Amino acid sequence: MTLRPDVEDDGWRPPGLFARLVTTRGPMVPVITVMGRARGRRSEPRPRELGLLHAAGTRAVARLRDEGHGPGTGWRVRQDHPRRGLVIDVPADVSSAEVVEWALTAAQVLSGFSFDEWVATAHDG
């Protein structure tokens, strides 16, 4: 599932190639991706994955912790990159609602904006 704030389309257009090559930040409008639990190569369950693209720059997890909204207990940060965003493994016992609620708040903390409406797109695969 992908979640995006319901804002004007101009906010979604990626910058030109040159700008993408020299910038050290992600998109101004945050994008959240939540992947459900899946089975690994050996049929072991893999954790749910949460991705968050943002324009906050470096040390996003530290910023979230400073704001009192760090990842939950047992959540494993796999990536905290200024352009590629956050990637977090979420334990199986955390509900989908909790994951989405945390991600929506994190996106607003990192963007500095309050978004009233979000658009969800479900992907099957």
PDB file of N, CA and C in Angstrom:
ATOM      1  N   MET A   1       0.853  -1.171   0.000  1.00  0.00           N
ATOM      2  CA  MET A   1       0.000   0.000   0.000  1.00  0.00           C
ATOM      3  C   MET A   1       0.899   1.235   0.000  1.00  0.00           C
ATOM      4  N   THR A   2       0.483   2.221  -0.750  1.00  0.00           N
ATOM      5  CA  THR A   2       1.185   3.500  -0.791  1.00  0.00           C
ATOM      6  C   THR A   2       0.247   4.586  -0.286  1.00  0.00           C
ATOM      7  N   LEU A   3       0.765   5.469   0.558  1.00  0.00           N
ATOM      8  CA  LEU A   3      -0.010   6.589   1.088  1.00  0.00           C
ATOM      9  C   LEU A   3       0.675   7.886   0.708  1.00  0.00           C
ATOM     10  N   ARG A   4      -0.119   8.822   0.195  1.00  0.00           N
ATOM     11  CA  ARG A   4       0.388  10.146  -0.176  1.00  0.00           C
ATOM     12  C   ARG A   4      -0.604  11.192   0.317  1.00  0.00           C
ATOM     13  N   PRO A   5      -0.095  12.334   0.772  1.00  0.00           N
ATOM     14  CA  PRO A   5      -1.020  13.412   1.143  1.00  0.00           C
ATOM     15  C   PRO A   5      -1.821  13.852  -0.086  1.00  0.00           C
ATOM     16  N   ASP A   6      -3.051  14.224   0.136  1.00  0.00           N
ATOM     17  CA  ASP A   6      -3.908  14.685  -0.956  1.00  0.00           C
ATOM     18  C   ASP A   6      -3.609  16.157  -1.211  1.00  0.00           C
ATOM     19  N   VAL A   7      -2.589  16.401  -2.054  1.00  0.00           N
ATOM     20  CA  VAL A   7      -2.181  17.757  -2.415  1.00  0.00           C
ATOM     21  C   VAL A   7      -2.153  17.881  -3.929  1.00  0.00           C
ATOM     22  N   GLU A   8      -1.917  19.092  -4.408  1.00  0.00           N
ATOM     23  CA  GLU A   8      -1.878  19.346  -5.845  1.00  0.00           C
ATOM     24  C   GLU A   8      -0.869  18.452  -6.556  1.00  0.00           C
ATOM     25  N   ASP A   9      -1.150  18.090  -7.794  1.00  0.00           N
ATOM     26  CA  ASP A   9      -0.275  17.207  -8.572  1.00  0.00           C
ATOM     27  C   ASP A   9       1.134  17.745  -8.741  1.00  0.00           C
ATOM     28  N   ASP A  10       1.315  19.066  -8.734  1.00  0.00           N
ATOM     29  CA  ASP A  10       2.654  19.627  -8.924  1.00  0.00           C
ATOM     30  C   ASP A  10       3.622  19.147  -7.844  1.00  0.00           C
ATOM     31  N   GLY A  11       3.111  18.817  -6.665  1.00  0.00           N
ATOM     32  CA  GLY A  11       3.957  18.331  -5.594  1.00  0.00           C
ATOM     33  C   GLY A  11       4.507  16.938  -5.836  1.00  0.00           C
ATOM     34  N   TRP A  12       3.933  16.216  -6.789  1.00  0.00           N
ATOM     35  CA  TRP A  12       4.352  14.832  -7.044  1.00  0.00           C
ATOM     36  C   TRP A  12       5.376  14.721  -8.151  1.00  0.00           C
ATOM     37  N   ARG A  13       5.472  15.731  -8.973  1.00  0.00           N
ATOM     38  CA  ARG A  13       6.379  15.620 -10.113  1.00  0.00           C
ATOM     39  C   ARG A  13       7.826  15.635  -9.638  1.00  0.00           C
ATOM     40  N   PRO A  14       8.610  14.636 -10.035  1.00  0.00           N
ATOM     41  CA  PRO A  14      10.011  14.633  -9.618  1.00  0.00           C
ATOM     42  C   PRO A  14      10.767  15.752 -10.311  1.00  0.00           C
ATOM     43  N   PRO A  15      11.841  16.262  -9.665  1.00  0.00           N
ATOM     44  CA  PRO A  15      12.631  17.312 -10.302  1.00  0.00           C
ATOM     45  C   PRO A  15      13.354  16.758 -11.518  1.00  0.00           C
ATOM     46  N   GLY A  16      13.925  17.650 -12.311  1.00  0.00           N
ATOM     47  CA  GLY A  16      14.668  17.228 -13.488  1.00  0.00           C
ATOM     48  C   GLY A  16      15.844  16.334 -13.128  1.00  0.00           C
ATOM     49  N   LEU A  17      16.420  15.685 -14.127  1.00  0.00           N
ATOM     50  CA  LEU A  17      17.515  14.744 -13.913  1.00  0.00           C
ATOM     51  C   LEU A  17      18.680  15.395 -13.188  1.00  0.00           C
ATOM     52  N   PHE A  18      19.081  16.588 -13.596  1.00  0.00           N
ATOM     53  CA  PHE A  18      20.215  17.249 -12.953  1.00  0.00           C
ATOM     54  C   PHE A  18      19.939  17.487 -11.472  1.00  0.00           C
ATOM     55  N   ALA A  19      18.750  17.963 -11.162  1.00  0.00           N
ATOM     56  CA  ALA A  19      18.399  18.228  -9.764  1.00  0.00           C
ATOM     57  C   ALA A  19      18.413  16.951  -8.944  1.00  0.00           C
ATOM     58  N   ARG A  20      17.928  15.853  -9.516  1.00  0.00           N
ATOM     59  CA  ARG A  20      17.930  14.578  -8.789  1.00  0.00           C
ATOM     60  C   ARG A  20      19.350  14.099  -8.525  1.00  0.00           C
ATOM     61  N   LEU A  21      20.282  14.401  -9.423  1.00  0.00           N
ATOM     62  CA  LEU A  21      21.660  13.955  -9.257  1.00  0.00           C
ATOM     63  C   LEU A  21      22.399  14.733  -8.174  1.00  0.00           C
ATOM     64  N   VAL A  22      22.085  16.004  -7.999  1.00  0.00           N
ATOM     65  CA  VAL A  22      22.844  16.828  -7.065  1.00  0.00           C
ATOM     66  C   VAL A  22      22.157  17.045  -5.717  1.00  0.00           C
ATOM     67  N   THR A  23      20.885  16.746  -5.603  1.00  0.00           N
ATOM     68  CA  THR A  23      20.182  16.963  -4.341  1.00  0.00           C
ATOM     69  C   THR A  23      20.514  15.870  -3.330  1.00  0.00           C
ATOM     70  N   THR A  24      20.450  16.228  -2.069  1.00  0.00           N
ATOM     71  CA  THR A  24      20.690  15.249  -1.007  1.00  0.00           C
ATOM     72  C   THR A  24      19.419  14.979  -0.221  1.00  0.00           C
ATOM     73  N   ARG A  25      18.295  15.345  -0.770  1.00  0.00           N
ATOM     74  CA  ARG A  25      17.029  15.159  -0.067  1.00  0.00           C
ATOM     75  C   ARG A  25      16.017  14.432  -0.930  1.00  0.00           C
ATOM     76  N   GLY A  26      15.065  13.825  -0.260  1.00  0.00           N
ATOM     77  CA  GLY A  26      13.969  13.151  -0.933  1.00  0.00           C
ATOM     78  C   GLY A  26      12.906  14.147  -1.355  1.00  0.00           C
ATOM     79  N   PRO A  27      11.731  13.655  -1.723  1.00  0.00           N
ATOM     80  CA  PRO A  27      10.654  14.526  -2.211  1.00  0.00           C
ATOM     81  C   PRO A  27      10.094  15.430  -1.111  1.00  0.00           C
ATOM     82  N   MET A  28       9.672  16.622  -1.494  1.00  0.00           N
ATOM     83  CA  MET A  28       9.083  17.566  -0.537  1.00  0.00           C
ATOM     84  C   MET A  28       7.784  17.016   0.056  1.00  0.00           C
ATOM     85  N   VAL A  29       7.027  16.302  -0.738  1.00  0.00           N
ATOM     86  CA  VAL A  29       5.783  15.702  -0.275  1.00  0.00           C
ATOM     87  C   VAL A  29       6.094  14.254   0.117  1.00  0.00           C
ATOM     88  N   PRO A  30       5.879  13.870   1.379  1.00  0.00           N
ATOM     89  CA  PRO A  30       6.257  12.526   1.814  1.00  0.00           C
ATOM     90  C   PRO A  30       5.441  11.437   1.129  1.00  0.00           C
ATOM     91  N   VAL A  31       6.053  10.278   0.996  1.00  0.00           N
ATOM     92  CA  VAL A  31       5.395   9.103   0.429  1.00  0.00           C
ATOM     93  C   VAL A  31       5.666   7.932   1.372  1.00  0.00           C
ATOM     94  N   ILE A  32       4.605   7.250   1.770  1.00  0.00           N
ATOM     95  CA  ILE A  32       4.699   6.116   2.687  1.00  0.00           C
ATOM     96  C   ILE A  32       4.368   4.843   1.917  1.00  0.00           C
ATOM     97  N   THR A  33       5.163   3.812   2.133  1.00  0.00           N
ATOM     98  CA  THR A  33       4.884   2.507   1.552  1.00  0.00           C
ATOM     99  C   THR A  33       4.887   1.481   2.672  1.00  0.00           C
ATOM    100  N   VAL A  34       3.826   0.675   2.735  1.00  0.00           N
ATOM    101  CA  VAL A  34       3.741  -0.401   3.715  1.00  0.00           C
ATOM    102  C   VAL A  34       3.579  -1.704   2.952  1.00  0.00           C
ATOM    103  N   MET A  35       4.513  -2.621   3.193  1.00  0.00           N
ATOM    104  CA  MET A  35       4.430  -3.937   2.570  1.00  0.00           C
ATOM    105  C   MET A  35       4.032  -4.938   3.635  1.00  0.00           C
ATOM    106  N   GLY A  36       3.049  -5.750   3.317  1.00  0.00           N
ATOM    107  CA  GLY A  36       2.563  -6.744   4.271  1.00  0.00           C
ATOM    108  C   GLY A  36       3.572  -7.840   4.526  1.00  0.00           C
ATOM    109  N   ARG A  37       3.238  -8.671   5.476  1.00  0.00           N
ATOM    110  CA  ARG A  37       4.102  -9.802   5.779  1.00  0.00           C
ATOM    111  C   ARG A  37       4.191 -10.713   4.570  1.00  0.00           C
ATOM    112  N   ALA A  38       5.353 -11.272   4.371  1.00  0.00           N
ATOM    113  CA  ALA A  38       5.562 -12.182   3.246  1.00  0.00           C
ATOM    114  C   ALA A  38       6.372 -13.373   3.723  1.00  0.00           C
ATOM    115  N   ARG A  39       6.495 -14.329   2.865  1.00  0.00           N
ATOM    116  CA  ARG A  39       7.311 -15.507   3.161  1.00  0.00           C
ATOM    117  C   ARG A  39       8.652 -15.360   2.464  1.00  0.00           C
ATOM    118  N   GLY A  40       9.712 -15.715   3.175  1.00  0.00           N
ATOM    119  CA  GLY A  40      11.050 -15.677   2.601  1.00  0.00           C
ATOM    120  C   GLY A  40      11.323 -16.909   1.767  1.00  0.00           C
ATOM    121  N   ARG A  41      12.543 -17.070   1.357  1.00  0.00           N
ATOM    122  CA  ARG A  41      12.944 -18.205   0.516  1.00  0.00           C
ATOM    123  C   ARG A  41      12.691 -19.547   1.175  1.00  0.00           C
ATOM    124  N   ARG A  42      12.839 -19.606   2.474  1.00  0.00           N
ATOM    125  CA  ARG A  42      12.676 -20.869   3.197  1.00  0.00           C
ATOM    126  C   ARG A  42      11.326 -20.939   3.900  1.00  0.00           C
ATOM    127  N   SER A  43      10.361 -20.218   3.399  1.00  0.00           N
ATOM    128  CA  SER A  43       9.002 -20.164   3.948  1.00  0.00           C
ATOM    129  C   SER A  43       8.933 -19.557   5.341  1.00  0.00           C
ATOM    130  N   GLU A  44      10.011 -18.899   5.776  1.00  0.00           N
ATOM    131  CA  GLU A  44       9.958 -18.206   7.048  1.00  0.00           C
ATOM    132  C   GLU A  44       9.253 -16.874   6.835  1.00  0.00           C
ATOM    133  N   PRO A  45       8.423 -16.493   7.782  1.00  0.00           N
ATOM    134  CA  PRO A  45       7.765 -15.195   7.608  1.00  0.00           C
ATOM    135  C   PRO A  45       8.773 -14.052   7.703  1.00  0.00           C
ATOM    136  N   ARG A  46       8.670 -13.117   6.778  1.00  0.00           N
ATOM    137  CA  ARG A  46       9.493 -11.903   6.832  1.00  0.00           C
ATOM    138  C   ARG A  46       8.666 -10.825   7.510  1.00  0.00           C
ATOM    139  N   PRO A  47       9.329  -9.907   8.186  1.00  0.00           N
ATOM    140  CA  PRO A  47       8.564  -8.846   8.860  1.00  0.00           C
ATOM    141  C   PRO A  47       7.908  -7.908   7.846  1.00  0.00           C
ATOM    142  N   ARG A  48       6.925  -7.201   8.327  1.00  0.00           N
ATOM    143  CA  ARG A  48       6.306  -6.159   7.509  1.00  0.00           C
ATOM    144  C   ARG A  48       7.346  -5.072   7.298  1.00  0.00           C
ATOM    145  N   GLU A  49       7.348  -4.457   6.128  1.00  0.00           N
ATOM    146  CA  GLU A  49       8.294  -3.379   5.838  1.00  0.00           C
ATOM    147  C   GLU A  49       7.554  -2.069   5.685  1.00  0.00           C
ATOM    148  N   LEU A  50       8.163  -1.027   6.230  1.00  0.00           N
ATOM    149  CA  LEU A  50       7.625   0.320   6.150  1.00  0.00           C
ATOM    150  C   LEU A  50       8.674   1.195   5.486  1.00  0.00           C
ATOM    151  N   GLY A  51       8.281   1.918   4.453  1.00  0.00           N
ATOM    152  CA  GLY A  51       9.179   2.861   3.797  1.00  0.00           C
ATOM    153  C   GLY A  51       8.603   4.261   3.877  1.00  0.00           C
ATOM    154  N   LEU A  52       9.475   5.247   4.034  1.00  0.00           N
ATOM    155  CA  LEU A  52       9.027   6.638   4.126  1.00  0.00           C
ATOM    156  C   LEU A  52      10.021   7.532   3.399  1.00  0.00           C
ATOM    157  N   LEU A  53       9.601   8.070   2.258  1.00  0.00           N
ATOM    158  CA  LEU A  53      10.401   9.060   1.534  1.00  0.00           C
ATOM    159  C   LEU A  53      10.056  10.433   2.094  1.00  0.00           C
ATOM    160  N   HIS A  54      11.065  11.264   2.311  1.00  0.00           N
ATOM    161  CA  HIS A  54      10.849  12.562   2.954  1.00  0.00           C
ATOM    162  C   HIS A  54      11.955  13.522   2.523  1.00  0.00           C
ATOM    163  N   ALA A  55      11.780  14.782   2.849  1.00  0.00           N
ATOM    164  CA  ALA A  55      12.770  15.807   2.495  1.00  0.00           C
ATOM    165  C   ALA A  55      13.519  16.324   3.721  1.00  0.00           C
ATOM    166  N   ALA A  56      13.491  15.578   4.825  1.00  0.00           N
ATOM    167  CA  ALA A  56      14.101  16.060   6.068  1.00  0.00           C
ATOM    168  C   ALA A  56      15.620  15.982   6.055  1.00  0.00           C
ATOM    169  N   GLY A  57      16.199  15.307   5.100  1.00  0.00           N
ATOM    170  CA  GLY A  57      17.651  15.211   5.044  1.00  0.00           C
ATOM    171  C   GLY A  57      18.184  14.095   5.927  1.00  0.00           C
ATOM    172  N   THR A  58      19.380  14.312   6.459  1.00  0.00           N
ATOM    173  CA  THR A  58      20.064  13.266   7.210  1.00  0.00           C
ATOM    174  C   THR A  58      19.485  13.082   8.614  1.00  0.00           C
ATOM    175  N   ARG A  59      19.745  11.926   9.172  1.00  0.00           N
ATOM    176  CA  ARG A  59      19.400  11.587  10.553  1.00  0.00           C
ATOM    177  C   ARG A  59      17.911  11.742  10.873  1.00  0.00           C
ATOM    178  N   ALA A  60      17.081  11.181  10.023  1.00  0.00           N
ATOM    179  CA  ALA A  60      15.637  11.278  10.231  1.00  0.00           C
ATOM    180  C   ALA A  60      15.199  10.542  11.490  1.00  0.00           C
ATOM    181  N   VAL A  61      15.782   9.378  11.750  1.00  0.00           N
ATOM    182  CA  VAL A  61      15.394   8.621  12.937  1.00  0.00           C
ATOM    183  C   VAL A  61      15.736   9.406  14.207  1.00  0.00           C
ATOM    184  N   ALA A  62      16.896  10.036  14.227  1.00  0.00           N
ATOM    185  CA  ALA A  62      17.275  10.852  15.389  1.00  0.00           C
ATOM    186  C   ALA A  62      16.289  12.010  15.572  1.00  0.00           C
ATOM    187  N   ARG A  63      15.890  12.611  14.476  1.00  0.00           N
ATOM    188  CA  ARG A  63      14.919  13.715  14.551  1.00  0.00           C
ATOM    189  C   ARG A  63      13.583  13.228  15.101  1.00  0.00           C
ATOM    190  N   LEU A  64      13.134  12.055  14.630  1.00  0.00           N
ATOM    191  CA  LEU A  64      11.881  11.492  15.130  1.00  0.00           C
ATOM    192  C   LEU A  64      11.981  11.198  16.629  1.00  0.00           C
ATOM    193  N   ARG A  65      13.103  10.637  17.056  1.00  0.00           N
ATOM    194  CA  ARG A  65      13.290  10.348  18.490  1.00  0.00           C
ATOM    195  C   ARG A  65      13.287  11.635  19.302  1.00  0.00           C
ATOM    196  N   ASP A  66      13.951  12.683  18.780  1.00  0.00           N
ATOM    197  CA  ASP A  66      13.975  13.973  19.472  1.00  0.00           C
ATOM    198  C   ASP A  66      12.574  14.542  19.658  1.00  0.00           C
ATOM    199  N   GLU A  67      11.693  14.242  18.714  1.00  0.00           N
ATOM    200  CA  GLU A  67      10.304  14.720  18.767  1.00  0.00           C
ATOM    201  C   GLU A  67       9.398  13.770  19.553  1.00  0.00           C
ATOM    202  N   GLY A  68       9.983  12.700  20.132  1.00  0.00           N
ATOM    203  CA  GLY A  68       9.201  11.744  20.902  1.00  0.00           C
ATOM    204  C   GLY A  68       8.430  10.755  20.057  1.00  0.00           C
ATOM    205  N   HIS A  69       8.868  10.554  18.823  1.00  0.00           N
ATOM    206  CA  HIS A  69       8.142   9.660  17.908  1.00  0.00           C
ATOM    207  C   HIS A  69       9.098   8.692  17.200  1.00  0.00           C
ATOM    208  N   GLY A  70      10.041   8.139  17.953  1.00  0.00           N
ATOM    209  CA  GLY A  70      10.972   7.178  17.371  1.00  0.00           C
ATOM    210  C   GLY A  70      10.278   5.865  17.042  1.00  0.00           C
ATOM    211  N   PRO A  71      10.940   5.011  16.265  1.00  0.00           N
ATOM    212  CA  PRO A  71      10.371   3.699  15.955  1.00  0.00           C
ATOM    213  C   PRO A  71      10.095   2.913  17.232  1.00  0.00           C
ATOM    214  N   GLY A  72       9.089   2.046  17.169  1.00  0.00           N
ATOM    215  CA  GLY A  72       8.682   1.286  18.341  1.00  0.00           C
ATOM    216  C   GLY A  72       9.689   0.231  18.761  1.00  0.00           C
ATOM    217  N   THR A  73       9.431  -0.361  19.910  1.00  0.00           N
ATOM    218  CA  THR A  73      10.279  -1.422  20.435  1.00  0.00           C
ATOM    219  C   THR A  73      10.258  -2.609  19.475  1.00  0.00           C
ATOM    220  N   GLY A  74      11.429  -3.093  19.122  1.00  0.00           N
ATOM    221  CA  GLY A  74      11.529  -4.228  18.211  1.00  0.00           C
ATOM    222  C   GLY A  74      11.526  -3.850  16.736  1.00  0.00           C
ATOM    223  N   TRP A  75      11.267  -2.578  16.431  1.00  0.00           N
ATOM    224  CA  TRP A  75      11.310  -2.123  15.044  1.00  0.00           C
ATOM    225  C   TRP A  75      12.772  -1.977  14.666  1.00  0.00           C
ATOM    226  N   ARG A  76      13.165  -2.487  13.510  1.00  0.00           N
ATOM    227  CA  ARG A  76      14.564  -2.445  13.091  1.00  0.00           C
ATOM    228  C   ARG A  76      14.726  -1.499  11.909  1.00  0.00           C
ATOM    229  N   VAL A  77      15.506  -0.447  12.114  1.00  0.00           N
ATOM    230  CA  VAL A  77      15.773   0.512  11.042  1.00  0.00           C
ATOM    231  C   VAL A  77      16.817  -0.100  10.112  1.00  0.00           C
ATOM    232  N   ARG A  78      16.420  -0.372   8.890  1.00  0.00           N
ATOM    233  CA  ARG A  78      17.351  -0.931   7.899  1.00  0.00           C
ATOM    234  C   ARG A  78      18.038   0.155   7.100  1.00  0.00           C
ATOM    235  N   GLN A  79      17.372   1.294   6.956  1.00  0.00           N
ATOM    236  CA  GLN A  79      17.951   2.381   6.154  1.00  0.00           C
ATOM    237  C   GLN A  79      17.438   3.713   6.663  1.00  0.00           C
ATOM    238  N   ASP A  80      18.338   4.673   6.782  1.00  0.00           N
ATOM    239  CA  ASP A  80      17.993   6.050   7.119  1.00  0.00           C
ATOM    240  C   ASP A  80      18.852   6.908   6.205  1.00  0.00           C
ATOM    241  N   HIS A  81      18.368   7.123   4.994  1.00  0.00           N
ATOM    242  CA  HIS A  81      19.138   7.793   3.958  1.00  0.00           C
ATOM    243  C   HIS A  81      18.409   9.065   3.529  1.00  0.00           C
ATOM    244  N   PRO A  82      19.131  10.176   3.329  1.00  0.00           N
ATOM    245  CA  PRO A  82      18.453  11.434   3.003  1.00  0.00           C
ATOM    246  C   PRO A  82      17.687  11.411   1.675  1.00  0.00           C
ATOM    247  N   ARG A  83      18.134  10.647   0.693  1.00  0.00           N
ATOM    248  CA  ARG A  83      17.426  10.596  -0.594  1.00  0.00           C
ATOM    249  C   ARG A  83      16.529   9.379  -0.740  1.00  0.00           C
ATOM    250  N   ARG A  84      16.964   8.246  -0.217  1.00  0.00           N
ATOM    251  CA  ARG A  84      16.188   7.012  -0.372  1.00  0.00           C
ATOM    252  C   ARG A  84      15.223   6.778   0.769  1.00  0.00           C
ATOM    253  N   GLY A  85      15.279   7.633   1.784  1.00  0.00           N
ATOM    254  CA  GLY A  85      14.312   7.589   2.868  1.00  0.00           C
ATOM    255  C   GLY A  85      14.581   6.551   3.937  1.00  0.00           C
ATOM    256  N   LEU A  86      13.551   6.325   4.742  1.00  0.00           N
ATOM    257  CA  LEU A  86      13.612   5.343   5.824  1.00  0.00           C
ATOM    258  C   LEU A  86      13.056   4.013   5.344  1.00  0.00           C
ATOM    259  N   VAL A  87      13.680   2.932   5.790  1.00  0.00           N
ATOM    260  CA  VAL A  87      13.119   1.595   5.602  1.00  0.00           C
ATOM    261  C   VAL A  87      13.215   0.924   6.964  1.00  0.00           C
ATOM    262  N   ILE A  88      12.075   0.446   7.444  1.00  0.00           N
ATOM    263  CA  ILE A  88      11.998  -0.127   8.784  1.00  0.00           C
ATOM    264  C   ILE A  88      11.290  -1.476   8.713  1.00  0.00           C
ATOM    265  N   ASP A  89      11.868  -2.490   9.372  1.00  0.00           N
ATOM    266  CA  ASP A  89      11.196  -3.771   9.553  1.00  0.00           C
ATOM    267  C   ASP A  89      10.357  -3.674  10.819  1.00  0.00           C
ATOM    268  N   VAL A  90       9.087  -4.046  10.709  1.00  0.00           N
ATOM    269  CA  VAL A  90       8.160  -3.951  11.833  1.00  0.00           C
ATOM    270  C   VAL A  90       7.799  -5.361  12.294  1.00  0.00           C
ATOM    271  N   PRO A  91       7.873  -5.645  13.606  1.00  0.00           N
ATOM    272  CA  PRO A  91       7.547  -6.981  14.108  1.00  0.00           C
ATOM    273  C   PRO A  91       6.134  -7.414  13.728  1.00  0.00           C
ATOM    274  N   ALA A  92       5.957  -8.720  13.624  1.00  0.00           N
ATOM    275  CA  ALA A  92       4.678  -9.296  13.196  1.00  0.00           C
ATOM    276  C   ALA A  92       3.534  -8.995  14.154  1.00  0.00           C
ATOM    277  N   ASP A  93       3.833  -8.759  15.439  1.00  0.00           N
ATOM    278  CA  ASP A  93       2.755  -8.539  16.410  1.00  0.00           C
ATOM    279  C   ASP A  93       2.221  -7.111  16.417  1.00  0.00           C
ATOM    280  N   VAL A  94       2.765  -6.254  15.569  1.00  0.00           N
ATOM    281  CA  VAL A  94       2.281  -4.872  15.471  1.00  0.00           C
ATOM    282  C   VAL A  94       1.179  -4.835  14.409  1.00  0.00           C
ATOM    283  N   SER A  95       0.036  -4.273  14.756  1.00  0.00           N
ATOM    284  CA  SER A  95      -1.096  -4.249  13.820  1.00  0.00           C
ATOM    285  C   SER A  95      -0.841  -3.289  12.664  1.00  0.00           C
ATOM    286  N   SER A  96      -1.527  -3.535  11.572  1.00  0.00           N
ATOM    287  CA  SER A  96      -1.426  -2.650  10.404  1.00  0.00           C
ATOM    288  C   SER A  96      -1.854  -1.234  10.759  1.00  0.00           C
ATOM    289  N   ALA A  97      -2.874  -1.113  11.573  1.00  0.00           N
ATOM    290  CA  ALA A  97      -3.353   0.212  11.977  1.00  0.00           C
ATOM    291  C   ALA A  97      -2.267   0.971  12.738  1.00  0.00           C
ATOM    292  N   GLU A  98      -1.539   0.284  13.625  1.00  0.00           N
ATOM    293  CA  GLU A  98      -0.459   0.928  14.370  1.00  0.00           C
ATOM    294  C   GLU A  98       0.667   1.377  13.443  1.00  0.00           C
ATOM    295  N   VAL A  99       0.982   0.549  12.457  1.00  0.00           N
ATOM    296  CA  VAL A  99       2.045   0.884  11.504  1.00  0.00           C
ATOM    297  C   VAL A  99       1.673   2.131  10.717  1.00  0.00           C
ATOM    298  N   VAL A 100       0.458   2.154  10.192  1.00  0.00           N
ATOM    299  CA  VAL A 100       0.010   3.293   9.387  1.00  0.00           C
ATOM    300  C   VAL A 100      -0.082   4.547  10.250  1.00  0.00           C
ATOM    301  N   GLU A 101      -0.598   4.425  11.448  1.00  0.00           N
ATOM    302  CA  GLU A 101      -0.707   5.579  12.344  1.00  0.00           C
ATOM    303  C   GLU A 101       0.677   6.167  12.659  1.00  0.00           C
ATOM    304  N   TRP A 102       1.653   5.293  12.947  1.00  0.00           N
ATOM    305  CA  TRP A 102       3.010   5.764  13.225  1.00  0.00           C
ATOM    306  C   TRP A 102       3.591   6.461  11.996  1.00  0.00           C
ATOM    307  N   ALA A 103       3.416   5.852  10.835  1.00  0.00           N
ATOM    308  CA  ALA A 103       3.986   6.401   9.598  1.00  0.00           C
ATOM    309  C   ALA A 103       3.386   7.762   9.248  1.00  0.00           C
ATOM    310  N   LEU A 104       2.080   7.925   9.419  1.00  0.00           N
ATOM    311  CA  LEU A 104       1.441   9.209   9.116  1.00  0.00           C
ATOM    312  C   LEU A 104       1.991  10.318  10.014  1.00  0.00           C
ATOM    313  N   THR A 105       2.146  10.014  11.294  1.00  0.00           N
ATOM    314  CA  THR A 105       2.708  11.007  12.209  1.00  0.00           C
ATOM    315  C   THR A 105       4.165  11.293  11.869  1.00  0.00           C
ATOM    316  N   ALA A 106       4.944  10.242  11.592  1.00  0.00           N
ATOM    317  CA  ALA A 106       6.359  10.418  11.233  1.00  0.00           C
ATOM    318  C   ALA A 106       6.501  11.283   9.988  1.00  0.00           C
ATOM    319  N   ALA A 107       5.644  11.069   8.990  1.00  0.00           N
ATOM    320  CA  ALA A 107       5.707  11.854   7.756  1.00  0.00           C
ATOM    321  C   ALA A 107       5.457  13.327   8.044  1.00  0.00           C
ATOM    322  N   GLN A 108       4.534  13.613   8.928  1.00  0.00           N
ATOM    323  CA  GLN A 108       4.241  15.006   9.259  1.00  0.00           C
ATOM    324  C   GLN A 108       5.363  15.628  10.085  1.00  0.00           C
ATOM    325  N   VAL A 109       5.965  14.866  10.993  1.00  0.00           N
ATOM    326  CA  VAL A 109       7.100  15.376  11.774  1.00  0.00           C
ATOM    327  C   VAL A 109       8.260  15.713  10.839  1.00  0.00           C
ATOM    328  N   LEU A 110       8.566  14.809   9.915  1.00  0.00           N
ATOM    329  CA  LEU A 110       9.721  15.011   9.033  1.00  0.00           C
ATOM    330  C   LEU A 110       9.484  16.078   7.971  1.00  0.00           C
ATOM    331  N   SER A 111       8.238  16.261   7.563  1.00  0.00           N
ATOM    332  CA  SER A 111       7.963  17.256   6.525  1.00  0.00           C
ATOM    333  C   SER A 111       7.758  18.646   7.105  1.00  0.00           C
ATOM    334  N   GLY A 112       7.316  18.711   8.364  1.00  0.00           N
ATOM    335  CA  GLY A 112       7.020  20.001   8.973  1.00  0.00           C
ATOM    336  C   GLY A 112       5.652  20.541   8.596  1.00  0.00           C
ATOM    337  N   PHE A 113       4.876  19.742   7.883  1.00  0.00           N
ATOM    338  CA  PHE A 113       3.532  20.144   7.470  1.00  0.00           C
ATOM    339  C   PHE A 113       2.507  19.213   8.083  1.00  0.00           C
ATOM    340  N   SER A 114       1.298  19.719   8.254  1.00  0.00           N
ATOM    341  CA  SER A 114       0.196  18.890   8.723  1.00  0.00           C
ATOM    342  C   SER A 114      -0.715  18.614   7.535  1.00  0.00           C
ATOM    343  N   PHE A 115      -0.870  17.357   7.205  1.00  0.00           N
ATOM    344  CA  PHE A 115      -1.720  16.961   6.075  1.00  0.00           C
ATOM    345  C   PHE A 115      -3.020  16.399   6.630  1.00  0.00           C
ATOM    346  N   ASP A 116      -4.140  16.959   6.168  1.00  0.00           N
ATOM    347  CA  ASP A 116      -5.441  16.536   6.666  1.00  0.00           C
ATOM    348  C   ASP A 116      -5.950  15.280   5.982  1.00  0.00           C
ATOM    349  N   GLU A 117      -5.642  15.143   4.699  1.00  0.00           N
ATOM    350  CA  GLU A 117      -6.159  14.009   3.941  1.00  0.00           C
ATOM    351  C   GLU A 117      -5.045  13.295   3.214  1.00  0.00           C
ATOM    352  N   TRP A 118      -5.164  11.973   3.188  1.00  0.00           N
ATOM    353  CA  TRP A 118      -4.178  11.123   2.520  1.00  0.00           C
ATOM    354  C   TRP A 118      -4.904  10.237   1.520  1.00  0.00           C
ATOM    355  N   VAL A 119      -4.205   9.861   0.472  1.00  0.00           N
ATOM    356  CA  VAL A 119      -4.749   8.959  -0.534  1.00  0.00           C
ATOM    357  C   VAL A 119      -3.979   7.644  -0.441  1.00  0.00           C
ATOM    358  N   ALA A 120      -4.713   6.544  -0.320  1.00  0.00           N
ATOM    359  CA  ALA A 120      -4.099   5.222  -0.237  1.00  0.00           C
ATOM    360  C   ALA A 120      -4.288   4.500  -1.560  1.00  0.00           C
ATOM    361  N   THR A 121      -3.251   3.841  -1.998  1.00  0.00           N
ATOM    362  CA  THR A 121      -3.308   3.006  -3.196  1.00  0.00           C
ATOM    363  C   THR A 121      -2.859   1.616  -2.812  1.00  0.00           C
ATOM    364  N   ALA A 122      -3.714   0.636  -3.043  1.00  0.00           N
ATOM    365  CA  ALA A 122      -3.377  -0.747  -2.721  1.00  0.00           C
ATOM    366  C   ALA A 122      -2.745  -1.404  -3.940  1.00  0.00           C
ATOM    367  N   HIS A 123      -1.715  -2.189  -3.684  1.00  0.00           N
ATOM    368  CA  HIS A 123      -1.023  -2.903  -4.743  1.00  0.00           C
ATOM    369  C   HIS A 123      -1.097  -4.380  -4.429  1.00  0.00           C
ATOM    370  N   ASP A 124      -1.439  -5.182  -5.418  1.00  0.00           N
ATOM    371  CA  ASP A 124      -1.520  -6.618  -5.228  1.00  0.00           C
ATOM    372  C   ASP A 124      -0.306  -7.267  -5.876  1.00  0.00           C
ATOM    373  N   GLY A 125       0.374  -8.070  -5.137  1.00  0.00           N
ATOM    374  CA  GLY A 125       1.520  -8.713  -5.757  1.00  0.00           C
ATOM    375  C   GLY A 125       2.373  -9.288  -4.783  1.00  0.00           C
TER     376      GLY A 125
END
